[in-house]
């Protein structure tokens, strides 16, 4: 039996570029130089993600606490929290 190639066993690690702003922290995730996800953590409020699902350069938003299927996005906001 042929030995498996080393590339099959490799884990692809994303490159993460962190940008600090006064009002938020932005984390850019890239694989092989291609930006595929952005995490935005505001100073106030919940973090959210911008994801390029199909690689066309168009980013869709994802809430970090969303329990929805990845293809179903319904906008919602927290108005009050106790």
N, C-alpha and C. Protein backbone atom coordinates (compact mmCIF):
# COMPACT_ATOMS: atom_id res chain seq x y z
N UNK A 1 0.85 -1.18 0.00
CA UNK A 1 0.00 0.00 0.00
C UNK A 1 0.89 1.24 0.00
N UNK A 2 0.56 2.22 -0.81
CA UNK A 2 1.38 3.44 -0.83
C UNK A 2 1.22 4.23 0.46
N UNK A 3 2.30 4.89 0.87
CA UNK A 3 2.26 5.72 2.08
C UNK A 3 1.46 6.99 1.81
N UNK A 4 0.64 7.43 2.79
CA UNK A 4 -0.11 8.68 2.57
C UNK A 4 0.85 9.86 2.46
N UNK A 5 0.50 10.81 1.63
CA UNK A 5 1.36 11.98 1.45
C UNK A 5 1.33 12.83 2.71
N UNK A 6 2.36 13.59 2.92
CA UNK A 6 2.43 14.47 4.09
C UNK A 6 1.37 15.56 4.03
N UNK A 7 1.01 15.98 2.83
CA UNK A 7 0.02 17.06 2.69
C UNK A 7 -1.35 16.63 3.22
N UNK A 8 -1.69 15.34 3.13
CA UNK A 8 -2.99 14.88 3.61
C UNK A 8 -3.10 15.01 5.12
N UNK A 9 -1.99 14.83 5.83
CA UNK A 9 -2.00 14.88 7.28
C UNK A 9 -1.82 16.28 7.85
N UNK A 10 -1.51 17.25 7.00
CA UNK A 10 -1.27 18.61 7.48
C UNK A 10 -2.56 19.32 7.85
N UNK A 11 -2.50 20.10 8.91
CA UNK A 11 -3.61 20.96 9.29
C UNK A 11 -3.32 22.35 8.73
N UNK A 12 -4.32 22.95 8.07
CA UNK A 12 -4.14 24.29 7.54
C UNK A 12 -4.47 25.28 8.64
N UNK A 13 -3.49 26.06 9.04
CA UNK A 13 -3.68 27.07 10.09
C UNK A 13 -3.98 28.41 9.44
N UNK A 14 -5.05 29.08 9.88
CA UNK A 14 -5.33 30.41 9.31
C UNK A 14 -4.35 31.44 9.84
N UNK A 15 -4.08 32.45 9.02
CA UNK A 15 -3.32 33.62 9.48
C UNK A 15 -4.34 34.59 10.06
N UNK A 16 -4.03 35.16 11.22
CA UNK A 16 -4.94 36.10 11.85
C UNK A 16 -4.24 37.44 12.01
N UNK A 17 -4.85 38.49 11.44
CA UNK A 17 -4.33 39.85 11.56
C UNK A 17 -5.28 40.61 12.48
N UNK A 18 -4.77 41.11 13.61
CA UNK A 18 -5.59 41.82 14.59
C UNK A 18 -5.37 43.32 14.45
N UNK A 19 -6.48 44.05 14.29
CA UNK A 19 -6.44 45.50 14.14
C UNK A 19 -7.20 46.11 15.31
N UNK A 20 -6.52 46.91 16.13
CA UNK A 20 -7.14 47.57 17.28
C UNK A 20 -7.60 48.95 16.87
N UNK A 21 -8.86 49.24 17.11
CA UNK A 21 -9.41 50.57 16.90
C UNK A 21 -9.92 51.08 18.23
N UNK A 22 -10.24 52.37 18.31
CA UNK A 22 -10.74 52.94 19.56
C UNK A 22 -12.04 52.28 20.01
N UNK A 23 -12.92 51.98 19.05
CA UNK A 23 -14.25 51.48 19.39
C UNK A 23 -14.45 50.00 19.14
N UNK A 24 -13.45 49.29 18.56
CA UNK A 24 -13.60 47.86 18.26
C UNK A 24 -12.26 47.21 17.96
N UNK A 25 -12.28 45.88 17.99
CA UNK A 25 -11.14 45.07 17.59
C UNK A 25 -11.57 44.26 16.38
N UNK A 26 -10.76 44.26 15.33
CA UNK A 26 -11.05 43.54 14.10
C UNK A 26 -10.01 42.44 13.94
N UNK A 27 -10.48 41.20 13.71
CA UNK A 27 -9.59 40.08 13.45
C UNK A 27 -9.86 39.57 12.04
N UNK A 28 -8.86 39.62 11.17
CA UNK A 28 -8.99 39.15 9.80
C UNK A 28 -8.38 37.75 9.70
N UNK A 29 -9.15 36.79 9.22
CA UNK A 29 -8.70 35.40 9.07
C UNK A 29 -8.46 35.11 7.60
N UNK A 30 -7.25 34.61 7.30
CA UNK A 30 -6.87 34.29 5.92
C UNK A 30 -6.28 32.89 5.86
N UNK A 31 -6.52 32.22 4.73
CA UNK A 31 -5.87 30.95 4.41
C UNK A 31 -5.29 31.10 3.03
N UNK A 32 -4.01 30.80 2.90
CA UNK A 32 -3.29 30.97 1.63
C UNK A 32 -3.46 32.38 1.08
N UNK A 33 -3.48 33.38 1.97
CA UNK A 33 -3.57 34.78 1.57
C UNK A 33 -4.97 35.26 1.25
N UNK A 34 -5.97 34.36 1.26
CA UNK A 34 -7.35 34.73 0.93
C UNK A 34 -8.14 35.03 2.20
N UNK A 35 -8.70 36.25 2.27
CA UNK A 35 -9.51 36.66 3.41
C UNK A 35 -10.86 35.94 3.32
N UNK A 36 -11.18 35.14 4.37
CA UNK A 36 -12.44 34.40 4.33
C UNK A 36 -13.37 34.74 5.49
N UNK A 37 -12.85 35.39 6.55
CA UNK A 37 -13.70 35.71 7.69
C UNK A 37 -13.13 36.90 8.44
N UNK A 38 -14.02 37.76 8.94
CA UNK A 38 -13.64 38.90 9.76
C UNK A 38 -14.47 38.83 11.03
N UNK A 39 -13.81 38.90 12.19
CA UNK A 39 -14.51 38.96 13.47
C UNK A 39 -14.39 40.39 13.99
N UNK A 40 -15.52 41.00 14.32
CA UNK A 40 -15.55 42.36 14.85
C UNK A 40 -16.04 42.28 16.29
N UNK A 41 -15.23 42.77 17.22
CA UNK A 41 -15.60 42.80 18.63
C UNK A 41 -15.69 44.25 19.06
N UNK A 42 -16.92 44.80 19.13
CA UNK A 42 -17.07 46.20 19.56
C UNK A 42 -16.76 46.33 21.05
N UNK A 43 -16.37 47.55 21.48
CA UNK A 43 -16.14 47.79 22.91
C UNK A 43 -17.42 47.53 23.69
N UNK A 44 -18.56 47.87 23.09
CA UNK A 44 -19.86 47.61 23.71
C UNK A 44 -20.68 46.80 22.74
N UNK A 45 -21.29 45.74 23.22
CA UNK A 45 -22.13 44.91 22.36
C UNK A 45 -21.47 43.57 22.07
N UNK A 46 -22.24 42.71 21.42
CA UNK A 46 -21.79 41.34 21.12
C UNK A 46 -20.90 41.31 19.88
N UNK A 47 -19.91 40.41 19.89
CA UNK A 47 -19.08 40.24 18.70
C UNK A 47 -19.91 39.69 17.54
N UNK A 48 -19.47 39.96 16.31
CA UNK A 48 -20.12 39.39 15.14
C UNK A 48 -19.06 39.07 14.10
N UNK A 49 -19.45 38.21 13.16
CA UNK A 49 -18.55 37.76 12.11
C UNK A 49 -19.07 38.20 10.76
N UNK A 50 -18.15 38.46 9.85
CA UNK A 50 -18.45 38.65 8.44
C UNK A 50 -17.75 37.50 7.71
N UNK A 51 -18.52 36.67 6.98
CA UNK A 51 -18.00 35.44 6.39
C UNK A 51 -18.23 35.44 4.89
N UNK A 52 -17.18 35.07 4.15
CA UNK A 52 -17.28 34.88 2.70
C UNK A 52 -17.49 33.39 2.45
N UNK A 53 -18.75 32.95 2.40
CA UNK A 53 -19.07 31.53 2.31
C UNK A 53 -18.66 30.89 0.99
N UNK A 54 -18.82 31.61 -0.12
CA UNK A 54 -18.59 31.00 -1.41
C UNK A 54 -17.34 31.52 -2.14
N UNK A 55 -16.55 32.33 -1.46
CA UNK A 55 -15.29 32.79 -2.04
C UNK A 55 -15.42 33.84 -3.12
N UNK A 56 -16.57 34.52 -3.19
CA UNK A 56 -16.76 35.53 -4.24
C UNK A 56 -16.41 36.94 -3.77
N UNK A 57 -15.92 37.09 -2.54
CA UNK A 57 -15.54 38.40 -2.02
C UNK A 57 -16.68 39.14 -1.36
N UNK A 58 -17.87 38.55 -1.34
CA UNK A 58 -19.03 39.16 -0.70
C UNK A 58 -19.20 38.55 0.69
N UNK A 59 -19.19 39.40 1.72
CA UNK A 59 -19.24 38.92 3.09
C UNK A 59 -20.65 39.02 3.66
N UNK A 60 -21.10 37.96 4.32
CA UNK A 60 -22.39 37.92 5.00
C UNK A 60 -22.12 37.98 6.49
N UNK A 61 -23.06 38.57 7.25
CA UNK A 61 -22.85 38.69 8.70
C UNK A 61 -23.31 37.45 9.43
N UNK A 62 -22.64 37.15 10.53
CA UNK A 62 -22.98 36.04 11.42
C UNK A 62 -22.80 36.55 12.84
N UNK A 63 -23.82 36.35 13.66
CA UNK A 63 -23.69 36.68 15.09
C UNK A 63 -22.93 35.56 15.77
N UNK A 64 -22.12 35.89 16.77
CA UNK A 64 -21.32 34.87 17.45
C UNK A 64 -22.17 33.93 18.28
N UNK A 65 -23.37 34.36 18.70
CA UNK A 65 -24.22 33.51 19.53
C UNK A 65 -25.38 32.91 18.75
N UNK A 66 -25.30 32.94 17.42
CA UNK A 66 -26.39 32.44 16.59
C UNK A 66 -26.45 30.92 16.64
N UNK A 67 -27.64 30.38 16.86
CA UNK A 67 -27.83 28.94 16.83
C UNK A 67 -28.48 28.49 15.53
N UNK A 68 -28.55 29.39 14.55
CA UNK A 68 -29.19 29.09 13.28
C UNK A 68 -28.27 28.31 12.38
N UNK A 69 -28.87 27.65 11.40
CA UNK A 69 -28.08 26.98 10.36
C UNK A 69 -27.28 28.04 9.63
N UNK A 70 -26.09 27.71 9.13
CA UNK A 70 -25.25 28.73 8.46
C UNK A 70 -25.93 29.42 7.28
N UNK A 71 -26.83 28.73 6.57
CA UNK A 71 -27.46 29.33 5.39
C UNK A 71 -28.69 30.16 5.73
N UNK A 72 -29.11 30.16 7.00
CA UNK A 72 -30.31 30.91 7.39
C UNK A 72 -29.88 32.06 8.28
N UNK A 73 -30.03 33.28 7.80
CA UNK A 73 -29.67 34.45 8.62
C UNK A 73 -30.88 35.36 8.72
N UNK A 74 -31.32 35.59 9.93
CA UNK A 74 -32.43 36.48 10.20
C UNK A 74 -31.88 37.59 11.07
N UNK A 75 -32.02 38.86 10.64
CA UNK A 75 -31.50 39.95 11.48
C UNK A 75 -32.25 40.00 12.80
N UNK A 76 -31.52 40.18 13.90
CA UNK A 76 -32.15 40.38 15.20
C UNK A 76 -31.24 41.21 16.07
N UNK A 77 -31.83 41.92 16.99
CA UNK A 77 -31.09 42.81 17.87
C UNK A 77 -31.55 42.61 19.30
N UNK A 78 -30.65 42.81 20.25
CA UNK A 78 -31.02 42.77 21.66
C UNK A 78 -31.45 44.19 22.05
N UNK A 79 -32.71 44.33 22.45
CA UNK A 79 -33.22 45.65 22.85
C UNK A 79 -33.03 45.87 24.34
N UNK A 80 -33.32 44.86 25.13
CA UNK A 80 -33.15 44.95 26.58
C UNK A 80 -32.52 43.66 27.07
N UNK A 81 -31.71 43.76 28.11
CA UNK A 81 -31.10 42.58 28.71
C UNK A 81 -31.11 42.78 30.21
N UNK A 82 -31.61 41.78 30.95
CA UNK A 82 -31.66 41.86 32.42
C UNK A 82 -30.63 40.98 33.03
